[in-house]
C-alpha atoms as a PDB file:
ATOM      1  CA  GLU A   1      46.050  61.825  23.354  1.00  0.00           C
ATOM      2  CA  VAL A   2      46.921  65.328  24.527  1.00  0.00           C
ATOM      3  CA  GLN A   3      47.422  67.863  21.785  1.00  0.00           C
ATOM      4  CA  ARG A   4      50.274  70.193  22.738  1.00  0.00           C
ATOM      5  CA  VAL A   5      49.932  72.684  19.889  1.00  0.00           C
ATOM      6  CA  ALA A   6      46.705  74.423  19.051  1.00  0.00           C
ATOM      7  CA  GLU A   7      45.537  73.599  15.568  1.00  0.00           C
ATOM      8  CA  ASP A   8      45.381  77.281  14.725  1.00  0.00           C
ATOM      9  CA  ALA A   9      48.878  78.038  16.079  1.00  0.00           C
ATOM     10  CA  VAL A  10      50.883  80.199  13.706  1.00  0.00           C
ATOM     11  CA  LEU A  11      54.183  78.514  14.595  1.00  0.00           C
ATOM     12  CA  SER A  12      54.695  75.043  15.978  1.00  0.00           C
ATOM     13  CA  ARG A  13      57.189  74.286  18.702  1.00  0.00           C
ATOM     14  CA  GLN A  14      59.205  72.296  16.144  1.00  0.00           C
ATOM     15  CA  SER A  15      59.267  75.247  13.729  1.00  0.00           C
ATOM     16  CA  LEU A  16      60.603  77.493  16.478  1.00  0.00           C
ATOM     17  CA  SER A  17      63.209  74.913  17.447  1.00  0.00           C
ATOM     18  CA  ASP A  18      64.321  74.465  13.821  1.00  0.00           C
ATOM     19  CA  ALA A  19      64.680  78.230  13.396  1.00  0.00           C
ATOM     20  CA  LEU A  20      66.728  78.752  16.573  1.00  0.00           C
ATOM     21  CA  ASP A  21      70.098  77.577  15.250  1.00  0.00           C
ATOM     22  CA  PRO A  22      70.217  79.702  12.067  1.00  0.00           C
ATOM     23  CA  THR A  23      68.708  82.657  13.923  1.00  0.00           C
ATOM     24  CA  SER A  24      71.334  82.344  16.649  1.00  0.00           C
ATOM     25  CA  ARG A  25      74.176  82.192  14.125  1.00  0.00           C
ATOM     26  CA  GLN A  26      72.779  85.253  12.361  1.00  0.00           C
ATOM     27  CA  ARG A  27      72.525  87.128  15.675  1.00  0.00           C
ATOM     28  CA  VAL A  28      76.120  86.250  16.645  1.00  0.00           C
ATOM     29  CA  ASP A  29      77.285  87.472  13.231  1.00  0.00           C
ATOM     30  CA  ALA A  30      75.484  90.764  13.908  1.00  0.00           C
ATOM     31  CA  VAL A  31      77.242  91.054  17.289  1.00  0.00           C
ATOM     32  CA  ARG A  32      80.599  90.450  15.558  1.00  0.00           C
ATOM     33  CA  GLU A  33      79.844  93.342  13.216  1.00  0.00           C
ATOM     34  CA  GLU A  34      78.554  95.671  15.917  1.00  0.00           C
ATOM     35  CA  PHE A  35      81.289  94.792  18.447  1.00  0.00           C
ATOM     36  CA  PRO A  36      84.413  93.841  16.420  1.00  0.00           C
ATOM     37  CA  GLU A  37      86.433  93.847  19.652  1.00  0.00           C
ATOM     38  CA  LEU A  38      84.437  90.763  20.722  1.00  0.00           C
ATOM     39  CA  VAL A  39      85.398  88.547  17.754  1.00  0.00           C
ATOM     40  CA  VAL A  40      88.282  86.820  19.587  1.00  0.00           C
ATOM     41  CA  THR A  41      86.276  86.580  22.812  1.00  0.00           C
ATOM     42  CA  LEU A  42      83.341  84.933  21.032  1.00  0.00           C
ATOM     43  CA  GLU A  43      85.730  82.306  19.655  1.00  0.00           C
ATOM     44  CA  ARG A  44      87.027  81.650  23.184  1.00  0.00           C
ATOM     45  CA  LEU A  45      83.472  80.830  24.288  1.00  0.00           C
ATOM     46  CA  ARG A  46      83.215  77.957  21.762  1.00  0.00           C
ATOM     47  CA  GLY A  47      82.633  74.637  23.518  1.00  0.00           C
ATOM     48  CA  LEU A  48      82.296  76.220  26.966  1.00  0.00           C
ATOM     49  CA  ASN A  49      79.167  75.412  28.972  1.00  0.00           C
ATOM     50  CA  ALA A  50      76.437  78.041  28.462  1.00  0.00           C
ATOM     51  CA  PHE A  51      76.006  78.375  32.244  1.00  0.00           C
ATOM     52  CA  GLY A  52      78.685  78.378  34.884  1.00  0.00           C
ATOM     53  CA  PRO A  53      81.112  80.186  37.131  1.00  0.00           C
ATOM     54  CA  ILE A  54      82.775  83.339  35.836  1.00  0.00           C
ATOM     55  CA  ASP A  55      86.119  81.722  36.745  1.00  0.00           C
ATOM     56  CA  LYS A  56      85.628  79.405  33.724  1.00  0.00           C
ATOM     57  CA  LEU A  57      85.563  82.482  31.474  1.00  0.00           C
ATOM     58  CA  LYS A  58      88.749  83.781  33.061  1.00  0.00           C
ATOM     59  CA  GLU A  59      90.406  80.365  32.535  1.00  0.00           C
ATOM     60  CA  ARG A  60      89.675  80.839  28.815  1.00  0.00           C
ATOM     61  CA  GLY A  61      91.521  84.157  28.879  1.00  0.00           C
ATOM     62  CA  ILE A  62      88.414  86.331  28.798  1.00  0.00           C
ATOM     63  CA  ALA A  63      89.222  89.599  30.569  1.00  0.00           C
ATOM     64  CA  PRO A  64      86.731  91.292  32.931  1.00  0.00           C
ATOM     65  CA  GLY A  65      86.303  94.141  30.423  1.00  0.00           C
ATOM     66  CA  MET A  66      85.275  91.658  27.726  1.00  0.00           C
ATOM     67  CA  ILE A  67      82.801  90.016  30.131  1.00  0.00           C
ATOM     68  CA  GLU A  68      81.257  93.470  30.659  1.00  0.00           C
ATOM     69  CA  LEU A  69      81.080  94.004  26.909  1.00  0.00           C
ATOM     70  CA  LEU A  70      79.463  90.563  26.418  1.00  0.00           C
ATOM     71  CA  THR A  71      76.775  91.522  28.934  1.00  0.00           C
ATOM     72  CA  GLU A  72      76.310  94.934  27.290  1.00  0.00           C
ATOM     73  CA  ALA A  73      75.858  93.201  23.927  1.00  0.00           C
ATOM     74  CA  GLY A  74      73.311  90.824  25.481  1.00  0.00           C
ATOM     75  CA  VAL A  75      75.401  87.737  24.744  1.00  0.00           C
ATOM     76  CA  MET A  76      75.537  86.812  28.418  1.00  0.00           C
ATOM     77  CA  SER A  77      74.075  87.786  31.742  1.00  0.00           C
ATOM     78  CA  LEU A  78      75.505  87.649  35.221  1.00  0.00           C
ATOM     79  CA  ASN A  79      72.448  86.329  37.047  1.00  0.00           C
ATOM     80  CA  GLN A  80      73.848  84.925  40.268  1.00  0.00           C
ATOM     81  CA  PRO A  81      76.927  86.086  42.145  1.00  0.00           C
ATOM     82  CA  GLY A  82      79.940  84.708  40.315  1.00  0.00           C
ATOM     83  CA  GLN A  83      77.836  82.983  37.609  1.00  0.00           C
ATOM     84  CA  TYR A  84      77.266  83.678  33.932  1.00  0.00           C
ATOM     85  CA  ALA A  85      74.525  82.495  31.562  1.00  0.00           C
ATOM     86  CA  VAL A  86      74.344  82.630  27.764  1.00  0.00           C
ATOM     87  CA  PRO A  87      70.772  82.596  26.358  1.00  0.00           C
ATOM     88  CA  ASP A  88      69.852  80.180  23.579  1.00  0.00           C
ATOM     89  CA  LEU A  89      69.659  83.087  21.125  1.00  0.00           C
ATOM     90  CA  TYR A  90      73.473  83.293  21.326  1.00  0.00           C
ATOM     91  CA  ARG A  91      74.398  79.825  22.646  1.00  0.00           C
ATOM     92  CA  HIS A  92      73.918  78.066  19.324  1.00  0.00           C
ATOM     93  CA  GLY A  93      75.766  80.744  17.379  1.00  0.00           C
ATOM     94  CA  VAL A  94      78.939  80.365  19.444  1.00  0.00           C
ATOM     95  CA  ASP A  95      78.626  76.547  19.733  1.00  0.00           C
ATOM     96  CA  MET A  96      78.168  76.404  23.489  1.00  0.00           C
ATOM     97  CA  PRO A  97      76.551  73.283  24.962  1.00  0.00           C
ATOM     98  CA  ARG A  98      74.008  73.424  27.735  1.00  0.00           C
ATOM     99  CA  MET A  99      75.016  70.870  30.318  1.00  0.00           C
ATOM    100  CA  GLY A 100      72.759  69.476  32.996  1.00  0.00           C
ATOM    101  CA  PRO A 101      69.554  67.474  33.207  1.00  0.00           C
ATOM    102  CA  LYS A 102      67.675  67.029  29.970  1.00  0.00           C
END
């Protein structure tokens, strides 16, 4: 049997996984406080795939200026031309699924 976690590890993979959801929700709440103009935009992200074409954001009524503000706040990145990505730290907090192979 292969042991995946060192016996002297401070945090297990499961502990980190369990902490991600509440941490993400706390982080999104902090973004709402720091960037009140993003409150409506964050709601529009709910249920949208965490990775995809920027056109999907525009279909949700998210203006280019709000996309810029989301990237400034760290909520999303524009990694590839025409594509956005929301890291797990924010994905859980705005209830965005991650589609694709598991």
